[in-house]
C-alpha atoms as a PDB file:
ATOM      1  CA  MET A   1      -3.506 -18.394 -16.814  1.00  0.00           C
ATOM      2  CA  SER A   2      -6.762 -16.473 -16.420  1.00  0.00           C
ATOM      3  CA  THR A   3      -7.835 -14.849 -13.167  1.00  0.00           C
ATOM      4  CA  ILE A   4     -10.598 -17.371 -12.537  1.00  0.00           C
ATOM      5  CA  THR A   5      -8.145 -20.234 -13.173  1.00  0.00           C
ATOM      6  CA  LYS A   6      -5.695 -18.727 -10.670  1.00  0.00           C
ATOM      7  CA  GLN A   7      -8.490 -18.458  -8.126  1.00  0.00           C
ATOM      8  CA  LEU A   8      -9.497 -22.080  -8.695  1.00  0.00           C
ATOM      9  CA  LEU A   9      -5.862 -23.168  -8.345  1.00  0.00           C
ATOM     10  CA  ALA A  10      -5.477 -21.259  -5.068  1.00  0.00           C
ATOM     11  CA  ARG A  11      -8.614 -22.921  -3.680  1.00  0.00           C
ATOM     12  CA  LEU A  12      -7.366 -26.333  -4.794  1.00  0.00           C
ATOM     13  CA  LYS A  13      -4.120 -25.785  -2.897  1.00  0.00           C
ATOM     14  CA  ASP A  14      -6.160 -24.898   0.189  1.00  0.00           C
ATOM     15  CA  HIS A  15      -8.066 -28.167  -0.304  1.00  0.00           C
ATOM     16  CA  TYR A  16      -4.856 -30.127   0.171  1.00  0.00           C
ATOM     17  CA  ARG A  17      -3.119 -27.803   2.577  1.00  0.00           C
ATOM     18  CA  LYS A  18      -5.094 -25.915   5.186  1.00  0.00           C
ATOM     19  CA  PRO A  19      -3.898 -22.291   5.280  1.00  0.00           C
ATOM     20  CA  GLY A  20      -1.610 -21.591   8.220  1.00  0.00           C
ATOM     21  CA  THR A  21      -0.721 -25.233   8.871  1.00  0.00           C
ATOM     22  CA  ALA A  22       2.555 -27.123   8.428  1.00  0.00           C
ATOM     23  CA  GLN A  23       3.479 -28.124   4.867  1.00  0.00           C
ATOM     24  CA  ASP A  24       5.063 -31.528   5.544  1.00  0.00           C
ATOM     25  CA  GLY A  25       2.035 -33.555   4.420  1.00  0.00           C
ATOM     26  CA  GLU A  26       2.428 -33.067   0.702  1.00  0.00           C
ATOM     27  CA  ILE A  27       4.391 -31.292  -1.989  1.00  0.00           C
ATOM     28  CA  LEU A  28       2.407 -29.057  -4.345  1.00  0.00           C
ATOM     29  CA  VAL A  29       4.119 -28.003  -7.562  1.00  0.00           C
ATOM     30  CA  THR A  30       2.585 -26.069 -10.459  1.00  0.00           C
ATOM     31  CA  GLU A  31       3.334 -26.252 -14.189  1.00  0.00           C
ATOM     32  CA  VAL A  32       5.322 -29.498 -14.110  1.00  0.00           C
ATOM     33  CA  THR A  33       6.278 -30.949 -17.500  1.00  0.00           C
ATOM     34  CA  ALA A  34       5.862 -34.677 -18.068  1.00  0.00           C
ATOM     35  CA  PRO A  35       9.168 -36.451 -18.803  1.00  0.00           C
ATOM     36  CA  GLY A  36       9.907 -36.856 -22.498  1.00  0.00           C
ATOM     37  CA  SER A  37       7.207 -34.364 -23.565  1.00  0.00           C
ATOM     38  CA  ASN A  38       6.255 -30.703 -23.553  1.00  0.00           C
ATOM     39  CA  ARG A  39       2.941 -31.283 -21.769  1.00  0.00           C
ATOM     40  CA  SER A  40       2.681 -29.683 -18.332  1.00  0.00           C
ATOM     41  CA  CYS A  41      -0.016 -30.154 -15.718  1.00  0.00           C
ATOM     42  CA  ASP A  42      -1.616 -27.314 -13.761  1.00  0.00           C
ATOM     43  CA  LEU A  43      -0.860 -28.884 -10.377  1.00  0.00           C
ATOM     44  CA  LEU A  44       1.124 -31.926  -9.289  1.00  0.00           C
ATOM     45  CA  ARG A  45       0.688 -33.217  -5.770  1.00  0.00           C
ATOM     46  CA  VAL A  46       3.075 -35.623  -4.107  1.00  0.00           C
ATOM     47  CA  GLY A  47       1.220 -37.113  -1.147  1.00  0.00           C
ATOM     48  CA  MET A  48       3.545 -38.306   1.592  1.00  0.00           C
ATOM     49  CA  TRP A  49       1.003 -39.593   4.111  1.00  0.00           C
ATOM     50  CA  GLN A  50      -0.880 -42.813   3.560  1.00  0.00           C
ATOM     51  CA  SER A  51      -3.920 -41.420   5.365  1.00  0.00           C
ATOM     52  CA  ARG A  52      -4.099 -38.459   2.976  1.00  0.00           C
ATOM     53  CA  GLY A  53      -3.433 -40.322  -0.234  1.00  0.00           C
ATOM     54  CA  LEU A  54       0.108 -41.503  -0.814  1.00  0.00           C
ATOM     55  CA  GLY A  55       1.274 -41.097  -4.392  1.00  0.00           C
ATOM     56  CA  ILE A  56       1.462 -38.623  -7.258  1.00  0.00           C
ATOM     57  CA  GLY A  57      -1.708 -36.811  -8.259  1.00  0.00           C
ATOM     58  CA  VAL A  58      -1.921 -34.819 -11.501  1.00  0.00           C
ATOM     59  CA  HIS A  59      -4.581 -32.098 -11.826  1.00  0.00           C
ATOM     60  CA  GLU A  60      -5.931 -30.316 -14.875  1.00  0.00           C
ATOM     61  CA  LEU A  61      -8.070 -27.205 -14.272  1.00  0.00           C
ATOM     62  CA  LYS A  62     -11.006 -26.413 -16.526  1.00  0.00           C
ATOM     63  CA  VAL A  63     -13.049 -23.225 -16.145  1.00  0.00           C
ATOM     64  CA  SER A  64     -14.872 -23.150 -19.489  1.00  0.00           C
ATOM     65  CA  ARG A  65     -16.809 -25.633 -21.570  1.00  0.00           C
ATOM     66  CA  SER A  66     -14.738 -24.915 -24.688  1.00  0.00           C
ATOM     67  CA  ASP A  67     -11.490 -25.621 -22.841  1.00  0.00           C
ATOM     68  CA  TRP A  68     -12.858 -28.950 -21.652  1.00  0.00           C
ATOM     69  CA  LEU A  69     -13.996 -29.973 -25.149  1.00  0.00           C
ATOM     70  CA  ARG A  70     -10.520 -29.193 -26.510  1.00  0.00           C
ATOM     71  CA  GLU A  71      -9.078 -31.468 -23.823  1.00  0.00           C
ATOM     72  CA  LEU A  72     -11.372 -34.275 -24.937  1.00  0.00           C
ATOM     73  CA  ASP A  73     -10.392 -33.788 -28.576  1.00  0.00           C
ATOM     74  CA  ASP A  74      -6.685 -33.864 -27.704  1.00  0.00           C
ATOM     75  CA  PRO A  75      -6.013 -36.105 -24.663  1.00  0.00           C
ATOM     76  CA  GLY A  76      -2.253 -35.899 -25.268  1.00  0.00           C
ATOM     77  CA  LYS A  77      -1.619 -34.222 -21.922  1.00  0.00           C
ATOM     78  CA  ALA A  78      -3.316 -37.014 -20.015  1.00  0.00           C
ATOM     79  CA  ASP A  79      -1.456 -39.621 -22.083  1.00  0.00           C
ATOM     80  CA  ALA A  80       1.902 -37.905 -21.360  1.00  0.00           C
ATOM     81  CA  TRP A  81       1.245 -38.017 -17.614  1.00  0.00           C
ATOM     82  CA  TRP A  82      -0.678 -41.251 -17.341  1.00  0.00           C
ATOM     83  CA  ARG A  83       2.149 -43.644 -16.459  1.00  0.00           C
ATOM     84  CA  PHE A  84       3.878 -41.119 -14.161  1.00  0.00           C
ATOM     85  CA  CYS A  85       0.944 -40.436 -11.822  1.00  0.00           C
ATOM     86  CA  SER A  86      -1.096 -42.377  -9.294  1.00  0.00           C
ATOM     87  CA  ARG A  87      -4.300 -40.505 -10.146  1.00  0.00           C
ATOM     88  CA  PHE A  88      -5.364 -38.105 -12.896  1.00  0.00           C
ATOM     89  CA  TRP A  89      -7.908 -35.471 -11.870  1.00  0.00           C
ATOM     90  CA  VAL A  90      -9.955 -32.948 -13.818  1.00  0.00           C
ATOM     91  CA  VAL A  91     -10.800 -30.034 -11.548  1.00  0.00           C
ATOM     92  CA  ALA A  92     -13.594 -27.974 -13.048  1.00  0.00           C
ATOM     93  CA  MET A  93     -16.081 -25.255 -12.276  1.00  0.00           C
ATOM     94  CA  PRO A  94     -19.699 -26.452 -11.930  1.00  0.00           C
ATOM     95  CA  GLY A  95     -21.423 -27.039 -15.262  1.00  0.00           C
ATOM     96  CA  VAL A  96     -18.207 -27.297 -17.290  1.00  0.00           C
ATOM     97  CA  VAL A  97     -17.736 -31.089 -17.286  1.00  0.00           C
ATOM     98  CA  ASN A  98     -20.397 -33.795 -17.476  1.00  0.00           C
ATOM     99  CA  ALA A  99     -19.414 -36.886 -15.528  1.00  0.00           C
ATOM    100  CA  SER A 100     -20.487 -39.115 -18.435  1.00  0.00           C
ATOM    101  CA  GLU A 101     -17.900 -37.428 -20.682  1.00  0.00           C
ATOM    102  CA  LEU A 102     -14.893 -38.489 -18.601  1.00  0.00           C
ATOM    103  CA  PRO A 103     -12.562 -41.050 -20.153  1.00  0.00           C
ATOM    104  CA  GLU A 104     -12.082 -44.228 -18.176  1.00  0.00           C
ATOM    105  CA  GLY A 105      -9.902 -43.761 -15.113  1.00  0.00           C
ATOM    106  CA  TRP A 106     -10.126 -39.947 -15.028  1.00  0.00           C
ATOM    107  CA  GLY A 107     -11.441 -38.378 -11.842  1.00  0.00           C
ATOM    108  CA  LEU A 108     -13.587 -35.251 -11.478  1.00  0.00           C
ATOM    109  CA  MET A 109     -13.390 -32.757  -8.623  1.00  0.00           C
ATOM    110  CA  LEU A 110     -15.625 -29.721  -8.118  1.00  0.00           C
ATOM    111  CA  PRO A 111     -15.174 -26.735  -5.773  1.00  0.00           C
ATOM    112  CA  PRO A 112     -17.102 -26.714  -2.472  1.00  0.00           C
ATOM    113  CA  ASN A 113     -20.681 -25.510  -2.628  1.00  0.00           C
ATOM    114  CA  ARG A 114     -20.157 -22.898   0.064  1.00  0.00           C
ATOM    115  CA  ALA A 115     -18.132 -19.786  -0.793  1.00  0.00           C
ATOM    116  CA  ASN A 116     -16.111 -20.149   2.423  1.00  0.00           C
ATOM    117  CA  GLY A 117     -15.748 -23.932   2.052  1.00  0.00           C
ATOM    118  CA  ARG A 118     -12.294 -25.472   1.685  1.00  0.00           C
ATOM    119  CA  ARG A 119     -12.648 -29.130   0.731  1.00  0.00           C
ATOM    120  CA  PHE A 120     -13.340 -29.965  -2.939  1.00  0.00           C
ATOM    121  CA  ARG A 121     -15.921 -32.588  -3.862  1.00  0.00           C
ATOM    122  CA  PRO A 122     -14.732 -35.736  -5.715  1.00  0.00           C
ATOM    123  CA  VAL A 123     -17.723 -36.303  -7.986  1.00  0.00           C
ATOM    124  CA  VAL A 124     -16.034 -39.155  -9.889  1.00  0.00           C
ATOM    125  CA  PRO A 125     -13.171 -41.000  -8.136  1.00  0.00           C
ATOM    126  CA  ALA A 126      -9.929 -41.236 -10.094  1.00  0.00           C
ATOM    127  CA  ALA A 127      -8.552 -44.703 -10.744  1.00  0.00           C
ATOM    128  CA  SER A 128      -5.511 -45.462  -8.624  1.00  0.00           C
ATOM    129  CA  ARG A 129      -2.375 -47.164  -9.976  1.00  0.00           C
ATOM    130  CA  GLU A 130       1.329 -47.493  -9.252  1.00  0.00           C
ATOM    131  CA  PRO A 131       3.228 -44.610 -10.926  1.00  0.00           C
ATOM    132  CA  GLU A 132       6.458 -44.988 -12.838  1.00  0.00           C
ATOM    133  CA  VAL A 133       8.953 -43.005 -10.796  1.00  0.00           C
ATOM    134  CA  SER A 134      11.922 -42.198 -13.034  1.00  0.00           C
ATOM    135  CA  LEU A 135      14.981 -40.027 -12.640  1.00  0.00           C
ATOM    136  CA  PRO A 136      13.726 -37.474 -15.252  1.00  0.00           C
ATOM    137  CA  LEU A 137      10.464 -37.195 -13.295  1.00  0.00           C
ATOM    138  CA  LEU A 138      12.279 -36.584 -10.015  1.00  0.00           C
ATOM    139  CA  VAL A 139      14.567 -34.005 -11.664  1.00  0.00           C
ATOM    140  CA  GLU A 140      11.592 -32.150 -13.153  1.00  0.00           C
ATOM    141  CA  ILE A 141       9.701 -32.094  -9.839  1.00  0.00           C
ATOM    142  CA  LEU A 142      12.783 -30.844  -8.001  1.00  0.00           C
ATOM    143  CA  ARG A 143      13.496 -28.252 -10.706  1.00  0.00           C
ATOM    144  CA  ARG A 144       9.991 -26.801 -10.544  1.00  0.00           C
ATOM    145  CA  ALA A 145       9.897 -26.950  -6.742  1.00  0.00           C
ATOM    146  CA  ASP A 146      13.214 -25.092  -6.560  1.00  0.00           C
ATOM    147  CA  ASN A 147      12.052 -22.474  -9.092  1.00  0.00           C
ATOM    148  CA  ILE A 148       8.907 -21.904  -7.049  1.00  0.00           C
ATOM    149  CA  ARG A 149      10.981 -21.649  -3.860  1.00  0.00           C
ATOM    150  CA  VAL A 150      13.311 -19.089  -5.450  1.00  0.00           C
ATOM    151  CA  ALA A 151      10.343 -17.086  -6.784  1.00  0.00           C
ATOM    152  CA  GLU A 152       8.710 -17.101  -3.337  1.00  0.00           C
ATOM    153  CA  MET A 153      11.974 -15.953  -1.738  1.00  0.00           C
ATOM    154  CA  GLN A 154      12.278 -13.130  -4.269  1.00  0.00           C
ATOM    155  CA  GLN A 155       8.686 -12.145  -3.544  1.00  0.00           C
ATOM    156  CA  MET A 156       9.452 -12.144   0.190  1.00  0.00           C
ATOM    157  CA  ARG A 157      12.506  -9.950  -0.464  1.00  0.00           C
ATOM    158  CA  MET A 158      10.395  -7.526  -2.486  1.00  0.00           C
ATOM    159  CA  VAL A 159       7.781  -7.354   0.280  1.00  0.00           C
ATOM    160  CA  HIS A 160      10.519  -6.876   2.881  1.00  0.00           C
ATOM    161  CA  ARG A 161      12.175  -4.135   0.834  1.00  0.00           C
ATOM    162  CA  ARG A 162       8.831  -2.425   0.277  1.00  0.00           C
ATOM    163  CA  ASP A 163       8.036  -2.567   3.996  1.00  0.00           C
ATOM    164  CA  LEU A 164      11.535  -1.327   4.815  1.00  0.00           C
ATOM    165  CA  TYR A 165      11.196   1.518   2.310  1.00  0.00           C
ATOM    166  CA  THR A 166       7.821   2.462   3.821  1.00  0.00           C
ATOM    167  CA  LYS A 167       9.302   2.510   7.325  1.00  0.00           C
ATOM    168  CA  VAL A 168      12.311   4.569   6.171  1.00  0.00           C
ATOM    169  CA  GLU A 169      10.055   7.079   4.424  1.00  0.00           C
ATOM    170  CA  GLN A 170       7.847   7.283   7.504  1.00  0.00           C
ATOM    171  CA  ALA A 171      10.907   7.863   9.694  1.00  0.00           C
ATOM    172  CA  ARG A 172      12.145  10.534   7.268  1.00  0.00           C
ATOM    173  CA  ARG A 173       8.765  12.288   7.309  1.00  0.00           C
ATOM    174  CA  THR A 174       8.737  12.136  11.107  1.00  0.00           C
ATOM    175  CA  ALA A 175      12.251  13.567  11.231  1.00  0.00           C
ATOM    176  CA  ASN A 176      11.232  16.360   8.848  1.00  0.00           C
ATOM    177  CA  ALA A 177       8.198  17.082  11.002  1.00  0.00           C
ATOM    178  CA  ASP A 178      10.396  17.249  14.086  1.00  0.00           C
ATOM    179  CA  ALA A 179      12.779  19.587  12.265  1.00  0.00           C
ATOM    180  CA  LEU A 180       9.834  21.760  11.257  1.00  0.00           C
ATOM    181  CA  ASP A 181       8.691  21.895  14.841  1.00  0.00           C
ATOM    182  CA  LEU A 182      12.194  23.003  15.837  1.00  0.00           C
ATOM    183  CA  VAL A 183      12.105  25.820  13.273  1.00  0.00           C
ATOM    184  CA  THR A 184       8.684  26.838  14.528  1.00  0.00           C
ATOM    185  CA  LYS A 185       9.929  26.918  18.111  1.00  0.00           C
ATOM    186  CA  GLN A 186      12.900  29.039  17.099  1.00  0.00           C
ATOM    187  CA  SER A 187      10.586  31.428  15.254  1.00  0.00           C
ATOM    188  CA  LEU A 188       8.347  31.728  18.289  1.00  0.00           C
ATOM    189  CA  GLU A 189      11.367  32.460  20.468  1.00  0.00           C
ATOM    190  CA  LYS A 190      12.386  35.275  18.115  1.00  0.00           C
ATOM    191  CA  LEU A 191       8.831  36.613  18.155  1.00  0.00           C
ATOM    192  CA  GLU A 192       8.856  36.628  21.950  1.00  0.00           C
ATOM    193  CA  GLN A 193      12.130  38.567  21.878  1.00  0.00           C
ATOM    194  CA  VAL A 194      10.569  41.185  19.609  1.00  0.00           C
ATOM    195  CA  LEU A 195       7.420  41.377  21.736  1.00  0.00           C
ATOM    196  CA  GLY A 196       9.454  41.562  24.909  1.00  0.00           C
ATOM    197  CA  ALA A 197       7.333  38.963  26.669  1.00  0.00           C
ATOM    198  CA  ARG A 198       6.421  35.301  26.498  1.00  0.00           C
ATOM    199  CA  ILE A 199       3.533  34.453  24.218  1.00  0.00           C
ATOM    200  CA  SER A 200       1.902  32.480  27.017  1.00  0.00           C
ATOM    201  CA  ASP A 201       1.787  35.675  29.110  1.00  0.00           C
ATOM    202  CA  PHE A 202      -0.288  37.609  26.561  1.00  0.00           C
ATOM    203  CA  ALA A 203      -3.992  38.223  26.992  1.00  0.00           C
ATOM    204  CA  TRP A 204      -5.478  36.825  23.792  1.00  0.00           C
ATOM    205  CA  GLY A 205      -8.912  38.287  24.267  1.00  0.00           C
ATOM    206  CA  THR A 206     -10.320  35.025  25.560  1.00  0.00           C
ATOM    207  CA  ASP A 207     -10.536  33.136  28.830  1.00  0.00           C
ATOM    208  CA  LEU A 208      -9.143  30.017  27.176  1.00  0.00           C
ATOM    209  CA  PRO A 209      -5.612  29.058  28.189  1.00  0.00           C
ATOM    210  CA  LEU A 210      -3.032  29.111  25.424  1.00  0.00           C
ATOM    211  CA  THR A 211      -2.870  25.312  25.414  1.00  0.00           C
ATOM    212  CA  GLU A 212      -6.511  25.208  24.279  1.00  0.00           C
ATOM    213  CA  ILE A 213      -6.026  27.692  21.437  1.00  0.00           C
ATOM    214  CA  THR A 214      -5.410  25.984  18.097  1.00  0.00           C
ATOM    215  CA  SER A 215      -2.376  26.798  15.993  1.00  0.00           C
ATOM    216  CA  GLY A 216      -4.659  28.288  13.332  1.00  0.00           C
ATOM    217  CA  GLU A 217      -6.348  30.572  15.851  1.00  0.00           C
ATOM    218  CA  LEU A 218      -2.975  31.596  17.225  1.00  0.00           C
ATOM    219  CA  ALA A 219      -1.673  32.346  13.718  1.00  0.00           C
ATOM    220  CA  ILE A 220      -4.729  34.510  12.958  1.00  0.00           C
ATOM    221  CA  ALA A 221      -4.310  36.367  16.239  1.00  0.00           C
ATOM    222  CA  VAL A 222      -0.627  37.043  15.558  1.00  0.00           C
ATOM    223  CA  CYS A 223      -1.472  38.149  12.023  1.00  0.00           C
ATOM    224  CA  GLU A 224      -4.142  40.566  13.229  1.00  0.00           C
ATOM    225  CA  TYR A 225      -1.848  41.929  15.941  1.00  0.00           C
ATOM    226  CA  THR A 226       0.949  42.381  13.400  1.00  0.00           C
ATOM    227  CA  HIS A 227      -1.299  44.228  10.962  1.00  0.00           C
ATOM    228  CA  GLN A 228      -2.584  46.546  13.691  1.00  0.00           C
ATOM    229  CA  HIS A 229       0.894  47.103  15.074  1.00  0.00           C
ATOM    230  CA  VAL A 230       2.321  47.922  11.633  1.00  0.00           C
ATOM    231  CA  ALA A 231      -0.600  50.264  10.924  1.00  0.00           C
ATOM    232  CA  LEU A 232       0.028  52.101  14.213  1.00  0.00           C
ATOM    233  CA  GLN A 233       3.736  52.336  13.462  1.00  0.00           C
ATOM    234  CA  ARG A 234       3.060  53.818  10.033  1.00  0.00           C
ATOM    235  CA  ARG A 235       0.545  56.263  11.515  1.00  0.00           C
ATOM    236  CA  GLU A 236       3.073  57.260  14.147  1.00  0.00           C
ATOM    237  CA  VAL A 237       5.700  57.915  11.481  1.00  0.00           C
ATOM    238  CA  GLU A 238       3.202  59.964   9.463  1.00  0.00           C
ATOM    239  CA  LEU A 239       2.207  62.014  12.518  1.00  0.00           C
ATOM    240  CA  GLY A 240       5.888  62.592  13.264  1.00  0.00           C
ATOM    241  CA  ARG A 241       6.398  63.975   9.761  1.00  0.00           C
ATOM    242  CA  ILE A 242       3.368  66.259  10.146  1.00  0.00           C
ATOM    243  CA  GLU A 243       4.633  67.409  13.521  1.00  0.00           C
ATOM    244  CA  SER A 244       8.048  68.179  12.030  1.00  0.00           C
ATOM    245  CA  ARG A 245       6.489  70.234   9.269  1.00  0.00           C
ATOM    246  CA  LEU A 246       4.328  72.136  11.772  1.00  0.00           C
ATOM    247  CA  GLN A 247       7.358  72.808  13.962  1.00  0.00           C
ATOM    248  CA  GLY A 248       9.205  74.129  10.916  1.00  0.00           C
ATOM    249  CA  VAL A 249       6.334  76.439  10.030  1.00  0.00           C
ATOM    250  CA  ALA A 250       6.070  77.647  13.635  1.00  0.00           C
ATOM    251  CA  GLN A 251       9.788  78.370  13.773  1.00  0.00           C
ATOM    252  CA  ARG A 252       9.660  80.369  10.549  1.00  0.00           C
ATOM    253  CA  VAL A 253       6.669  82.329  11.842  1.00  0.00           C
ATOM    254  CA  LEU A 254       8.438  83.122  15.088  1.00  0.00           C
ATOM    255  CA  ARG A 255      11.559  84.081  13.190  1.00  0.00           C
ATOM    256  CA  ASP A 256       9.710  86.389  10.815  1.00  0.00           C
ATOM    257  CA  LEU A 257       7.383  87.849  13.429  1.00  0.00           C
ATOM    258  CA  PRO A 258       9.692  90.834  14.434  1.00  0.00           C
ATOM    259  CA  SER A 259      10.114  91.875  10.805  1.00  0.00           C
ATOM    260  CA  VAL A 260       6.385  91.784  10.264  1.00  0.00           C
ATOM    261  CA  ALA A 261       5.821  93.895  13.399  1.00  0.00           C
ATOM    262  CA  ALA A 262       8.421  96.502  12.278  1.00  0.00           C
ATOM    263  CA  LEU A 263       6.801  96.750   8.895  1.00  0.00           C
ATOM    264  CA  LYS A 264       3.460  97.388  10.562  1.00  0.00           C
ATOM    265  CA  ARG A 265       4.924 100.167  12.777  1.00  0.00           C
ATOM    266  CA  GLY A 266       6.477 101.825   9.736  1.00  0.00           C
ATOM    267  CA  ASP A 267       3.225 101.803   7.944  1.00  0.00           C
ATOM    268  CA  ALA A 268       1.515 103.333  10.954  1.00  0.00           C
ATOM    269  CA  ALA A 269       4.030 106.225  11.120  1.00  0.00           C
END
């Protein structure tokens, strides 16, 4: 079934059953096979209220001119359903079917003119008759109705499972985020231990309170402080090495100073 045919079928269902309302007024079943044949109709409607059209209505959807002409050349589907339905309808897009082309007794319905309209327009009324209600017909209607019910339940299960999976994944991501926050808090506590003070007590070079400093700004500030602190530590270590070397030189000079003075006195004598 093409996309445009599916859209036409969905609108036809809305014609009989207003979206969001109770479904006890009629039974709508798709792809029902006529008893004793392999010809199936696009939509079968069992009307259960006299005021809304009691009986069995068979609908054939036509969305292209070529499809309609093939139907006229081979009316076997209509013949297979004729004695089992109260009315036989052709439901077509505008311009596909000419009313003068309809065989006797066939009805023609067109979609509403307005895009947001719901009720279809019966251009040619379908002849009404008493249908032949047989056991094979009832079995086929029940079989298709049950298959549709099972398919809808499976679809509901899939939607439920998908929603449940989405909620579980969202809960897992939230839990991971909370765990990440815990790790971050632990890291900040360790940093405060190293700094010897609470981060909130530091002067960050701004009058803004810590609560108004973004995490990115705080990270940059910590990074800059760390770089400066490491640079000072390395410079301190280097100066300590230089100082040690100078102390060593000074000690050697002081140790050798008496010998140098004695040598000078000997030279003077």
